[in-house]
Amino acid sequence: QVTDGAGNRLASALRREGDALDVSGQPPLRVVVGAMSAVESLEFQGEPMDLGNFRVVNNRSEFTLEP
């Protein structure tokens, strides 16, 4: 699930491993991932993010992306 700074839900659906998701909205972006083990990579504003920087509990992660 991805929600932007204005509270708009930009994405909310189960994805399969290998699926890509491209969203844009007013920052900050609030992200909830229910299966971090299925996430191969993450980019924010064209820059790769280190997935190891996100706290994961029971394969779930919640984080905020800001410019």
PDB file of N, CA and C in Angstrom:
ATOM      1  N   GLN A   1       0.850  -1.169   0.000  1.00  0.00           N
ATOM      2  CA  GLN A   1       0.000   0.000   0.000  1.00  0.00           C
ATOM      3  C   GLN A   1       0.894   1.231   0.000  1.00  0.00           C
ATOM      4  N   VAL A   2       0.528   2.232  -0.800  1.00  0.00           N
ATOM      5  CA  VAL A   2       1.265   3.493  -0.843  1.00  0.00           C
ATOM      6  C   VAL A   2       0.263   4.634  -0.719  1.00  0.00           C
ATOM      7  N   THR A   3       0.527   5.539   0.230  1.00  0.00           N
ATOM      8  CA  THR A   3      -0.315   6.705   0.453  1.00  0.00           C
ATOM      9  C   THR A   3       0.564   7.939   0.374  1.00  0.00           C
ATOM     10  N   ASP A   4       0.070   8.997  -0.291  1.00  0.00           N
ATOM     11  CA  ASP A   4       0.891  10.203  -0.393  1.00  0.00           C
ATOM     12  C   ASP A   4       0.619  11.153   0.765  1.00  0.00           C
ATOM     13  N   GLY A   5       1.357  12.268   0.781  1.00  0.00           N
ATOM     14  CA  GLY A   5       1.273  13.226   1.867  1.00  0.00           C
ATOM     15  C   GLY A   5      -0.083  13.886   2.007  1.00  0.00           C
ATOM     16  N   ALA A   6      -0.892  13.857   0.945  1.00  0.00           N
ATOM     17  CA  ALA A   6      -2.233  14.429   0.987  1.00  0.00           C
ATOM     18  C   ALA A   6      -3.265  13.406   1.450  1.00  0.00           C
ATOM     19  N   GLY A   7      -2.810  12.177   1.727  1.00  0.00           N
ATOM     20  CA  GLY A   7      -3.713  11.129   2.181  1.00  0.00           C
ATOM     21  C   GLY A   7      -4.342  10.324   1.064  1.00  0.00           C
ATOM     22  N   ASN A   8      -3.918  10.566  -0.179  1.00  0.00           N
ATOM     23  CA  ASN A   8      -4.444   9.807  -1.314  1.00  0.00           C
ATOM     24  C   ASN A   8      -3.806   8.431  -1.378  1.00  0.00           C
ATOM     25  N   ARG A   9      -4.621   7.406  -1.487  1.00  0.00           N
ATOM     26  CA  ARG A   9      -4.099   6.045  -1.633  1.00  0.00           C
ATOM     27  C   ARG A   9      -3.691   5.858  -3.095  1.00  0.00           C
ATOM     28  N   LEU A  10      -2.393   5.673  -3.329  1.00  0.00           N
ATOM     29  CA  LEU A  10      -1.860   5.564  -4.684  1.00  0.00           C
ATOM     30  C   LEU A  10      -1.809   4.128  -5.166  1.00  0.00           C
ATOM     31  N   ALA A  11      -1.710   3.198  -4.254  1.00  0.00           N
ATOM     32  CA  ALA A  11      -1.672   1.776  -4.607  1.00  0.00           C
ATOM     33  C   ALA A  11      -2.115   0.975  -3.399  1.00  0.00           C
ATOM     34  N   SER A  12      -2.930  -0.022  -3.650  1.00  0.00           N
ATOM     35  CA  SER A  12      -3.380  -0.890  -2.573  1.00  0.00           C
ATOM     36  C   SER A  12      -3.872  -2.188  -3.180  1.00  0.00           C
ATOM     37  N   ALA A  13      -2.952  -3.099  -3.365  1.00  0.00           N
ATOM     38  CA  ALA A  13      -3.316  -4.393  -3.952  1.00  0.00           C
ATOM     39  C   ALA A  13      -2.198  -5.379  -3.683  1.00  0.00           C
ATOM     40  N   LEU A  14      -2.553  -6.630  -3.661  1.00  0.00           N
ATOM     41  CA  LEU A  14      -1.531  -7.662  -3.553  1.00  0.00           C
ATOM     42  C   LEU A  14      -0.780  -7.734  -4.871  1.00  0.00           C
ATOM     43  N   ARG A  15       0.494  -7.881  -4.790  1.00  0.00           N
ATOM     44  CA  ARG A  15       1.341  -8.002  -5.979  1.00  0.00           C
ATOM     45  C   ARG A  15       2.026  -9.345  -5.930  1.00  0.00           C
ATOM     46  N   ARG A  16       2.388  -9.832  -7.085  1.00  0.00           N
ATOM     47  CA  ARG A  16       3.142 -11.082  -7.166  1.00  0.00           C
ATOM     48  C   ARG A  16       4.621 -10.769  -7.290  1.00  0.00           C
ATOM     49  N   GLU A  17       5.423 -11.699  -6.851  1.00  0.00           N
ATOM     50  CA  GLU A  17       6.864 -11.540  -6.972  1.00  0.00           C
ATOM     51  C   GLU A  17       7.206 -11.265  -8.427  1.00  0.00           C
ATOM     52  N   GLY A  18       8.020 -10.246  -8.657  1.00  0.00           N
ATOM     53  CA  GLY A  18       8.416  -9.873 -10.010  1.00  0.00           C
ATOM     54  C   GLY A  18       7.585  -8.751 -10.602  1.00  0.00           C
ATOM     55  N   ASP A  19       6.424  -8.441  -9.994  1.00  0.00           N
ATOM     56  CA  ASP A  19       5.599  -7.333 -10.476  1.00  0.00           C
ATOM     57  C   ASP A  19       6.297  -6.008 -10.192  1.00  0.00           C
ATOM     58  N   ALA A  20       6.089  -5.036 -11.068  1.00  0.00           N
ATOM     59  CA  ALA A  20       6.616  -3.688 -10.865  1.00  0.00           C
ATOM     60  C   ALA A  20       5.467  -2.765 -10.482  1.00  0.00           C
ATOM     61  N   LEU A  21       5.770  -1.767  -9.682  1.00  0.00           N
ATOM     62  CA  LEU A  21       4.775  -0.780  -9.274  1.00  0.00           C
ATOM     63  C   LEU A  21       5.416   0.593  -9.400  1.00  0.00           C
ATOM     64  N   ASP A  22       4.793   1.473 -10.162  1.00  0.00           N
ATOM     65  CA  ASP A  22       5.301   2.829 -10.369  1.00  0.00           C
ATOM     66  C   ASP A  22       4.224   3.798  -9.904  1.00  0.00           C
ATOM     67  N   VAL A  23       4.533   4.599  -8.890  1.00  0.00           N
ATOM     68  CA  VAL A  23       3.564   5.564  -8.364  1.00  0.00           C
ATOM     69  C   VAL A  23       4.210   6.936  -8.257  1.00  0.00           C
ATOM     70  N   SER A  24       3.381   7.958  -8.284  1.00  0.00           N
ATOM     71  CA  SER A  24       3.860   9.313  -8.018  1.00  0.00           C
ATOM     72  C   SER A  24       2.770  10.041  -7.252  1.00  0.00           C
ATOM     73  N   GLY A  25       3.193  10.906  -6.365  1.00  0.00           N
ATOM     74  CA  GLY A  25       2.246  11.648  -5.549  1.00  0.00           C
ATOM     75  C   GLY A  25       2.974  12.664  -4.705  1.00  0.00           C
ATOM     76  N   GLN A  26       2.213  13.416  -3.941  1.00  0.00           N
ATOM     77  CA  GLN A  26       2.766  14.449  -3.080  1.00  0.00           C
ATOM     78  C   GLN A  26       3.510  13.802  -1.919  1.00  0.00           C
ATOM     79  N   PRO A  27       4.802  14.129  -1.745  1.00  0.00           N
ATOM     80  CA  PRO A  27       5.543  13.553  -0.628  1.00  0.00           C
ATOM     81  C   PRO A  27       5.045  14.111   0.706  1.00  0.00           C
ATOM     82  N   PRO A  28       5.322  13.412   1.787  1.00  0.00           N
ATOM     83  CA  PRO A  28       6.037  12.131   1.855  1.00  0.00           C
ATOM     84  C   PRO A  28       5.126  10.974   1.449  1.00  0.00           C
ATOM     85  N   LEU A  29       5.740   9.899   0.986  1.00  0.00           N
ATOM     86  CA  LEU A  29       5.000   8.700   0.615  1.00  0.00           C
ATOM     87  C   LEU A  29       5.098   7.696   1.751  1.00  0.00           C
ATOM     88  N   ARG A  30       3.950   7.230   2.225  1.00  0.00           N
ATOM     89  CA  ARG A  30       3.887   6.221   3.290  1.00  0.00           C
ATOM     90  C   ARG A  30       3.695   4.871   2.620  1.00  0.00           C
ATOM     91  N   VAL A  31       4.600   3.942   2.898  1.00  0.00           N
ATOM     92  CA  VAL A  31       4.611   2.648   2.219  1.00  0.00           C
ATOM     93  C   VAL A  31       4.439   1.524   3.238  1.00  0.00           C
ATOM     94  N   VAL A  32       3.579   0.569   2.917  1.00  0.00           N
ATOM     95  CA  VAL A  32       3.410  -0.638   3.719  1.00  0.00           C
ATOM     96  C   VAL A  32       3.619  -1.820   2.785  1.00  0.00           C
ATOM     97  N   VAL A  33       4.596  -2.666   3.124  1.00  0.00           N
ATOM     98  CA  VAL A  33       4.883  -3.864   2.329  1.00  0.00           C
ATOM     99  C   VAL A  33       4.615  -5.074   3.211  1.00  0.00           C
ATOM    100  N   GLY A  34       3.742  -5.944   2.759  1.00  0.00           N
ATOM    101  CA  GLY A  34       3.361  -7.110   3.544  1.00  0.00           C
ATOM    102  C   GLY A  34       4.249  -8.314   3.359  1.00  0.00           C
ATOM    103  N   ALA A  35       5.110  -8.294   2.346  1.00  0.00           N
ATOM    104  CA  ALA A  35       6.011  -9.424   2.081  1.00  0.00           C
ATOM    105  C   ALA A  35       7.338  -8.888   1.558  1.00  0.00           C
ATOM    106  N   MET A  36       8.158  -8.368   2.465  1.00  0.00           N
ATOM    107  CA  MET A  36       9.439  -7.777   2.055  1.00  0.00           C
ATOM    108  C   MET A  36      10.341  -8.779   1.346  1.00  0.00           C
ATOM    109  N   SER A  37      10.198 -10.055   1.657  1.00  0.00           N
ATOM    110  CA  SER A  37      11.046 -11.058   1.004  1.00  0.00           C
ATOM    111  C   SER A  37      10.767 -11.142  -0.490  1.00  0.00           C
ATOM    112  N   ALA A  38       9.626 -10.635  -0.942  1.00  0.00           N
ATOM    113  CA  ALA A  38       9.280 -10.662  -2.365  1.00  0.00           C
ATOM    114  C   ALA A  38       9.757  -9.407  -3.100  1.00  0.00           C
ATOM    115  N   VAL A  39      10.253  -8.408  -2.367  1.00  0.00           N
ATOM    116  CA  VAL A  39      10.705  -7.163  -2.989  1.00  0.00           C
ATOM    117  C   VAL A  39      12.153  -7.337  -3.435  1.00  0.00           C
ATOM    118  N   GLU A  40      12.365  -7.224  -4.745  1.00  0.00           N
ATOM    119  CA  GLU A  40      13.715  -7.375  -5.293  1.00  0.00           C
ATOM    120  C   GLU A  40      14.485  -6.070  -5.253  1.00  0.00           C
ATOM    121  N   SER A  41      13.808  -4.952  -5.515  1.00  0.00           N
ATOM    122  CA  SER A  41      14.473  -3.656  -5.510  1.00  0.00           C
ATOM    123  C   SER A  41      13.438  -2.557  -5.309  1.00  0.00           C
ATOM    124  N   LEU A  42      13.932  -1.391  -4.890  1.00  0.00           N
ATOM    125  CA  LEU A  42      13.075  -0.240  -4.659  1.00  0.00           C
ATOM    126  C   LEU A  42      13.844   1.001  -5.084  1.00  0.00           C
ATOM    127  N   GLU A  43      13.198   1.842  -5.870  1.00  0.00           N
ATOM    128  CA  GLU A  43      13.788   3.118  -6.261  1.00  0.00           C
ATOM    129  C   GLU A  43      12.873   4.237  -5.802  1.00  0.00           C
ATOM    130  N   PHE A  44      13.489   5.338  -5.375  1.00  0.00           N
ATOM    131  CA  PHE A  44      12.740   6.533  -5.000  1.00  0.00           C
ATOM    132  C   PHE A  44      13.395   7.709  -5.685  1.00  0.00           C
ATOM    133  N   GLN A  45      12.626   8.439  -6.465  1.00  0.00           N
ATOM    134  CA  GLN A  45      13.110   9.565  -7.258  1.00  0.00           C
ATOM    135  C   GLN A  45      14.285   9.149  -8.139  1.00  0.00           C
ATOM    136  N   GLY A  46      14.187   7.947  -8.709  1.00  0.00           N
ATOM    137  CA  GLY A  46      15.191   7.456  -9.641  1.00  0.00           C
ATOM    138  C   GLY A  46      16.442   6.884  -9.003  1.00  0.00           C
ATOM    139  N   GLU A  47      16.512   6.886  -7.688  1.00  0.00           N
ATOM    140  CA  GLU A  47      17.691   6.382  -6.977  1.00  0.00           C
ATOM    141  C   GLU A  47      17.364   5.064  -6.283  1.00  0.00           C
ATOM    142  N   PRO A  48      18.251   4.069  -6.392  1.00  0.00           N
ATOM    143  CA  PRO A  48      18.010   2.797  -5.703  1.00  0.00           C
ATOM    144  C   PRO A  48      18.076   2.972  -4.187  1.00  0.00           C
ATOM    145  N   MET A  49      17.204   2.255  -3.494  1.00  0.00           N
ATOM    146  CA  MET A  49      17.172   2.284  -2.035  1.00  0.00           C
ATOM    147  C   MET A  49      17.756   0.980  -1.505  1.00  0.00           C
ATOM    148  N   ASP A  50      18.451   1.057  -0.380  1.00  0.00           N
ATOM    149  CA  ASP A  50      18.996  -0.128   0.272  1.00  0.00           C
ATOM    150  C   ASP A  50      17.893  -0.748   1.121  1.00  0.00           C
ATOM    151  N   LEU A  51      17.404  -1.912   0.704  1.00  0.00           N
ATOM    152  CA  LEU A  51      16.304  -2.564   1.420  1.00  0.00           C
ATOM    153  C   LEU A  51      16.686  -2.930   2.848  1.00  0.00           C
ATOM    154  N   GLY A  52      17.979  -3.067   3.119  1.00  0.00           N
ATOM    155  CA  GLY A  52      18.445  -3.391   4.459  1.00  0.00           C
ATOM    156  C   GLY A  52      18.234  -2.266   5.457  1.00  0.00           C
ATOM    157  N   ASN A  53      17.916  -1.070   4.968  1.00  0.00           N
ATOM    158  CA  ASN A  53      17.688   0.074   5.856  1.00  0.00           C
ATOM    159  C   ASN A  53      16.284   0.109   6.446  1.00  0.00           C
ATOM    160  N   PHE A  54      15.400  -0.756   5.972  1.00  0.00           N
ATOM    161  CA  PHE A  54      14.019  -0.745   6.435  1.00  0.00           C
ATOM    162  C   PHE A  54      13.802  -1.803   7.506  1.00  0.00           C
ATOM    163  N   ARG A  55      13.118  -1.411   8.573  1.00  0.00           N
ATOM    164  CA  ARG A  55      12.805  -2.346   9.659  1.00  0.00           C
ATOM    165  C   ARG A  55      11.753  -3.333   9.164  1.00  0.00           C
ATOM    166  N   VAL A  56      12.024  -4.616   9.364  1.00  0.00           N
ATOM    167  CA  VAL A  56      11.115  -5.673   8.930  1.00  0.00           C
ATOM    168  C   VAL A  56      10.757  -6.535  10.135  1.00  0.00           C
ATOM    169  N   VAL A  57       9.460  -6.726  10.368  1.00  0.00           N
ATOM    170  CA  VAL A  57       8.969  -7.579  11.442  1.00  0.00           C
ATOM    171  C   VAL A  57       7.962  -8.541  10.825  1.00  0.00           C
ATOM    172  N   ASN A  58       8.218  -9.841  10.989  1.00  0.00           N
ATOM    173  CA  ASN A  58       7.345 -10.867  10.406  1.00  0.00           C
ATOM    174  C   ASN A  58       7.142 -10.652   8.912  1.00  0.00           C
ATOM    175  N   ASN A  59       8.218 -10.266   8.220  1.00  0.00           N
ATOM    176  CA  ASN A  59       8.245 -10.065   6.770  1.00  0.00           C
ATOM    177  C   ASN A  59       7.439  -8.839   6.328  1.00  0.00           C
ATOM    178  N   ARG A  60       7.040  -7.994   7.256  1.00  0.00           N
ATOM    179  CA  ARG A  60       6.249  -6.793   6.963  1.00  0.00           C
ATOM    180  C   ARG A  60       7.079  -5.557   7.292  1.00  0.00           C
ATOM    181  N   SER A  61       6.944  -4.528   6.463  1.00  0.00           N
ATOM    182  CA  SER A  61       7.675  -3.293   6.706  1.00  0.00           C
ATOM    183  C   SER A  61       6.776  -2.093   6.431  1.00  0.00           C
ATOM    184  N   GLU A  62       6.905  -1.075   7.255  1.00  0.00           N
ATOM    185  CA  GLU A  62       6.210   0.197   7.061  1.00  0.00           C
ATOM    186  C   GLU A  62       7.263   1.289   7.122  1.00  0.00           C
ATOM    187  N   PHE A  63       7.265   2.175   6.118  1.00  0.00           N
ATOM    188  CA  PHE A  63       8.260   3.240   6.095  1.00  0.00           C
ATOM    189  C   PHE A  63       7.735   4.433   5.313  1.00  0.00           C
ATOM    190  N   THR A  64       8.415   5.564   5.486  1.00  0.00           N
ATOM    191  CA  THR A  64       8.055   6.808   4.811  1.00  0.00           C
ATOM    192  C   THR A  64       9.211   7.231   3.927  1.00  0.00           C
ATOM    193  N   LEU A  65       8.890   7.634   2.696  1.00  0.00           N
ATOM    194  CA  LEU A  65       9.893   8.122   1.754  1.00  0.00           C
ATOM    195  C   LEU A  65       9.689   9.620   1.566  1.00  0.00           C
ATOM    196  N   GLU A  66      10.757  10.379   1.806  1.00  0.00           N
ATOM    197  CA  GLU A  66      10.710  11.834   1.668  1.00  0.00           C
ATOM    198  C   GLU A  66      11.874  12.285   0.811  1.00  0.00           C
ATOM    199  N   PRO A  67      11.669  13.371   0.041  1.00  0.00           N
ATOM    200  CA  PRO A  67      12.786  13.876  -0.790  1.00  0.00           C
ATOM    201  C   PRO A  67      13.916  14.411   0.060  1.00  0.00           C
TER     202      PRO A  67
END
